[in-house]
Amino acid sequence: MTSSQILAISGILEGDRSRTRDLISYAVSLAGATGPAKLCFLPTAEGDNPYAVQWFEDAFGNDSLVEASVLTLFTAPNVPDVREHLLAQHVLWVGGGSVVNLMAVWRAHGLPEILHEAWQAGVVMAGQSAGSLCWHLGGPTDSFGELSAFSNGLGWLPWSNGVHDDLGDQPRRTAYREMVASGALPAGYATEGGVGLHYIDGAFSEAVSVVPGARAWYVEGGRETAVEARYLEPL
């Protein structure tokens, strides 16, 4: 029976950002593909920023372990059949940016239904920041400017999600816990930079990290519980 997997991470915004690539490679390994894995990048949350696309192509375009592609939606899809393309992949990687804009554009193009079909068929869903929040019920976002509670995610995972929990210049850690305590968001998992949450068949399996000592947290009511992350050695 095929498992439905999600790897939801906080990208590294401070320090060695190149190690985010190792988390993408870990997502690829979860697919267990025979031969090169088909890996598709969705940079929708950044408005299909060409710099984000270039970073991905530089990182994986010549990687013999993957067959890399990019799905852009601005100003129109760059593939003839979006459903056919996504269902043919082993792994989808969703970039960071505005989760509010991400969900609006995806819904306009009918992607939630396509992505759910692909997920149920065994395509590994993965992503960072906005690409982590989107699979959950919601989480804190600055998509509107000030940090506020976003509660319009796909909801495939029955928790909220806090990303960049250790980012020093933004009060995300405090805001997430206050939102959960007040009931603005349901209980959920927060991740520090470089930490990923691995879910199998809709259930939390483990946390992994490319940053030594970085952790995840389970936040419920006014309480938080540290979730130790298994360290992934550099590739």
Protein backbone atom coordinates (compact mmCIF):
# COMPACT_ATOMS: atom_id res chain seq x y z
CA MET A 1 0.00 0.00 0.00
CA THR A 2 1.35 3.43 -0.98
CA SER A 3 2.04 5.86 1.87
CA SER A 4 1.05 9.51 1.70
CA GLN A 5 4.01 11.59 2.88
CA ILE A 6 4.63 15.25 3.69
CA LEU A 7 7.91 16.92 4.70
CA ALA A 8 7.18 20.42 6.03
CA ILE A 9 10.24 22.51 6.91
CA SER A 10 11.43 25.89 8.03
CA GLY A 11 14.01 26.99 5.50
CA ILE A 12 17.32 28.34 6.72
CA LEU A 13 17.17 32.15 6.60
CA GLU A 14 20.18 32.80 8.83
CA GLY A 15 23.48 30.92 8.57
CA ASP A 16 24.30 28.26 5.99
CA ARG A 17 21.28 28.52 3.71
CA SER A 18 22.80 25.99 1.31
CA ARG A 19 21.84 23.19 3.69
CA THR A 20 18.21 23.69 2.71
CA ARG A 21 19.27 21.76 -0.39
CA ASP A 22 20.01 18.76 1.82
CA LEU A 23 16.43 18.83 3.11
CA ILE A 24 15.14 18.82 -0.46
CA SER A 25 17.41 15.86 -1.17
CA TYR A 26 16.03 14.14 1.93
CA ALA A 27 12.50 14.67 0.59
CA VAL A 28 13.63 13.03 -2.64
CA SER A 29 14.97 10.04 -0.71
CA LEU A 30 11.56 9.52 0.91
CA ALA A 31 10.06 8.73 -2.50
CA GLY A 32 12.21 5.61 -2.86
CA ALA A 33 12.32 6.06 -6.62
CA THR A 34 14.07 3.54 -8.81
CA GLY A 35 16.43 5.57 -10.96
CA PRO A 36 16.37 9.39 -11.11
CA ALA A 37 13.47 10.80 -9.07
CA LYS A 38 11.19 13.29 -10.77
CA LEU A 39 11.35 16.45 -8.66
CA CYS A 40 9.14 19.43 -9.44
CA PHE A 41 9.56 22.87 -7.87
CA LEU A 42 6.50 25.10 -7.37
CA PRO A 43 7.62 28.71 -6.70
CA THR A 44 4.04 30.06 -6.61
CA ALA A 45 4.39 31.70 -3.17
CA GLU A 46 7.09 33.99 -4.57
CA GLY A 47 5.08 34.85 -7.66
CA ASP A 48 7.28 32.47 -9.71
CA ASN A 49 10.31 34.65 -8.94
CA PRO A 50 12.93 33.92 -11.63
CA TYR A 51 15.71 34.09 -9.04
CA ALA A 52 14.06 31.29 -7.06
CA VAL A 53 13.70 29.27 -10.25
CA GLN A 54 17.37 29.88 -11.09
CA TRP A 55 18.46 28.75 -7.62
CA PHE A 56 16.56 25.50 -8.01
CA GLU A 57 17.89 24.87 -11.50
CA ASP A 58 21.46 25.59 -10.38
CA ALA A 59 21.03 23.23 -7.41
CA PHE A 60 19.34 20.32 -9.16
CA GLY A 61 19.51 20.84 -12.92
CA ASN A 62 22.67 18.74 -13.25
CA ASP A 63 21.97 16.31 -10.41
CA SER A 64 22.07 12.77 -11.78
CA LEU A 65 19.79 11.56 -8.95
CA VAL A 66 16.84 13.71 -10.03
CA GLU A 67 14.93 14.72 -13.11
CA ALA A 68 14.16 18.32 -12.22
CA SER A 69 11.31 20.48 -13.48
CA VAL A 70 9.54 23.69 -12.48
CA LEU A 71 5.81 24.42 -12.58
CA THR A 72 5.06 28.12 -12.94
CA LEU A 73 1.55 29.58 -13.04
CA PHE A 74 2.31 33.24 -13.87
CA THR A 75 0.97 34.43 -16.19
CA ALA A 76 -0.26 31.02 -17.35
CA PRO A 77 0.85 27.44 -16.61
CA ASN A 78 4.10 26.56 -18.36
CA VAL A 79 3.06 22.95 -19.04
CA PRO A 80 0.23 21.79 -21.35
CA ASP A 81 -1.49 19.67 -18.69
CA VAL A 82 -0.88 20.58 -15.03
CA ARG A 83 -2.54 17.46 -13.64
CA GLU A 84 -0.62 15.12 -15.92
CA HIS A 85 2.68 16.81 -15.04
CA LEU A 86 2.17 16.74 -11.28
CA LEU A 87 0.90 13.16 -11.16
CA ALA A 88 4.02 12.06 -13.04
CA GLN A 89 6.34 13.35 -10.30
CA HIS A 90 7.90 11.55 -7.35
CA VAL A 91 8.37 14.68 -5.22
CA LEU A 92 6.89 18.18 -5.25
CA TRP A 93 8.82 20.97 -3.52
CA VAL A 94 6.86 24.14 -2.68
CA GLY A 95 8.91 27.27 -2.11
CA GLY A 96 8.50 29.97 0.51
CA GLY A 97 6.87 33.37 0.24
CA SER A 98 3.28 34.45 0.83
CA VAL A 99 1.08 31.56 1.94
CA VAL A 100 -2.04 33.70 1.40
CA ASN A 101 -1.14 34.38 -2.22
CA LEU A 102 -0.04 30.78 -2.68
CA MET A 103 -3.41 29.42 -1.64
CA ALA A 104 -5.34 31.97 -3.69
CA VAL A 105 -3.45 31.18 -6.90
CA TRP A 106 -3.57 27.42 -6.32
CA ARG A 107 -7.31 27.52 -5.77
CA ALA A 108 -7.85 29.64 -8.89
CA HIS A 109 -6.01 26.97 -10.92
CA GLY A 110 -7.67 23.96 -9.24
CA LEU A 111 -4.40 22.74 -7.73
CA PRO A 112 -5.70 21.62 -4.30
CA GLU A 113 -7.68 18.78 -5.89
CA ILE A 114 -4.81 17.81 -8.20
CA LEU A 115 -2.25 17.91 -5.41
CA HIS A 116 -4.47 15.83 -3.13
CA GLU A 117 -4.83 13.22 -5.84
CA ALA A 118 -1.06 13.14 -6.29
CA TRP A 119 -0.48 12.91 -2.53
CA GLN A 120 -2.87 9.98 -2.24
CA ALA A 121 -1.08 8.33 -5.17
CA GLY A 122 2.24 8.45 -3.30
CA VAL A 123 3.85 11.64 -4.58
CA VAL A 124 5.86 13.14 -1.69
CA MET A 125 4.65 16.65 -0.80
CA ALA A 126 7.33 18.90 0.64
CA GLY A 127 8.16 22.54 1.05
CA GLN A 128 9.57 25.32 3.15
CA SER A 129 7.96 28.22 5.01
CA ALA A 130 4.75 28.95 3.05
CA GLY A 131 5.37 25.54 1.50
CA SER A 132 5.20 24.10 5.03
CA LEU A 133 2.19 26.04 6.29
CA CYS A 134 0.04 25.18 3.29
CA TRP A 135 -0.48 21.49 4.18
CA HIS A 136 -1.72 22.37 7.68
CA LEU A 137 -4.88 24.10 8.90
CA GLY A 138 -2.99 27.37 9.20
CA GLY A 139 -0.38 29.29 11.15
CA PRO A 140 1.12 32.72 11.75
CA THR A 141 1.86 34.69 8.58
CA ASP A 142 3.10 38.14 7.65
CA SER A 143 1.41 37.90 4.25
CA PHE A 144 -0.78 40.86 5.25
CA GLY A 145 2.08 42.83 6.81
CA GLU A 146 1.74 42.39 10.57
CA LEU A 147 1.84 38.83 11.90
CA SER A 148 -1.68 37.42 11.96
CA ALA A 149 -3.37 34.03 12.09
CA PHE A 150 -3.85 32.34 8.73
CA SER A 151 -6.49 29.62 8.88
CA ASN A 152 -7.21 28.78 5.26
CA GLY A 153 -4.63 26.10 4.54
CA LEU A 154 -5.31 22.83 2.74
CA GLY A 155 -5.97 21.15 6.09
CA TRP A 156 -4.66 17.74 5.08
CA LEU A 157 -2.86 17.76 8.43
CA PRO A 158 -5.15 18.49 11.41
CA TRP A 159 -2.75 20.87 13.13
CA SER A 160 -1.48 24.40 12.82
CA ASN A 161 2.13 25.11 11.92
CA GLY A 162 4.63 27.73 13.06
CA VAL A 163 7.69 28.30 10.88
CA HIS A 164 10.98 30.13 11.57
CA ASP A 165 10.39 29.61 15.27
CA ASP A 166 13.90 30.83 16.15
CA LEU A 167 14.18 33.78 13.76
CA GLY A 168 15.60 36.53 15.93
CA ASP A 169 14.21 39.66 14.29
CA GLN A 170 10.57 38.58 14.15
CA PRO A 171 8.31 37.64 17.10
CA ARG A 172 7.00 34.50 15.42
CA ARG A 173 7.68 32.20 18.36
CA THR A 174 5.69 34.30 20.82
CA ALA A 175 2.95 35.10 18.33
CA TYR A 176 2.36 31.44 17.46
CA ARG A 177 2.02 30.42 21.08
CA GLU A 178 -0.34 33.30 21.81
CA MET A 179 -2.48 32.41 18.81
CA VAL A 180 -2.77 28.78 19.94
CA ALA A 181 -3.44 29.75 23.57
CA SER A 182 -6.21 32.16 22.52
CA GLY A 183 -7.85 29.65 20.18
CA ALA A 184 -7.10 31.70 17.08
CA LEU A 185 -5.18 28.65 15.86
CA PRO A 186 -5.52 24.97 16.82
CA ALA A 187 -2.70 23.04 18.46
CA GLY A 188 0.23 22.26 16.21
CA TYR A 189 3.92 21.98 15.50
CA ALA A 190 6.53 24.72 15.24
CA THR A 191 9.93 24.31 13.61
CA GLU A 192 13.20 26.15 14.00
CA GLY A 193 15.27 26.95 10.92
CA GLY A 194 16.50 23.84 9.14
CA VAL A 195 14.00 21.50 10.84
CA GLY A 196 11.47 19.41 8.96
CA LEU A 197 8.32 17.63 10.11
CA HIS A 198 7.78 14.26 8.45
CA TYR A 199 4.19 13.08 8.30
CA ILE A 200 3.11 9.64 7.04
CA ASP A 201 -0.53 8.98 6.17
CA GLY A 202 -1.56 12.17 7.94
CA ALA A 203 0.17 11.30 11.23
CA PHE A 204 3.30 12.91 12.65
CA SER A 205 6.26 10.55 12.31
CA GLU A 206 9.41 12.45 13.30
CA ALA A 207 11.35 15.69 13.09
CA VAL A 208 14.62 15.91 11.15
CA SER A 209 17.17 18.70 11.04
CA VAL A 210 20.22 19.87 9.11
CA VAL A 211 21.16 22.27 11.94
CA PRO A 212 22.77 20.65 15.02
CA GLY A 213 20.63 21.13 18.11
CA ALA A 214 17.66 22.67 16.29
CA ARG A 215 14.27 21.41 17.40
CA ALA A 216 10.58 21.28 16.71
CA TRP A 217 7.91 22.07 19.28
CA TYR A 218 4.40 20.78 19.91
CA VAL A 219 2.24 23.67 21.08
CA GLU A 220 -1.14 23.11 22.71
CA GLY A 221 -3.09 25.54 24.87
CA GLY A 222 -0.58 27.37 27.03
CA ARG A 223 1.98 24.57 26.90
CA GLU A 224 4.85 23.62 24.63
CA THR A 225 6.76 20.36 24.41
CA ALA A 226 10.15 20.08 22.72
CA VAL A 227 10.37 17.54 19.90
CA GLU A 228 13.94 16.40 19.35
CA ALA A 229 14.98 16.34 15.70
CA ARG A 230 17.09 13.59 14.13
CA TYR A 231 20.19 15.21 12.65
CA LEU A 232 20.88 14.67 8.96
CA GLU A 233 24.57 14.65 8.09
CA PRO A 234 25.69 16.87 5.19
CA LEU A 235 25.54 15.12 1.84
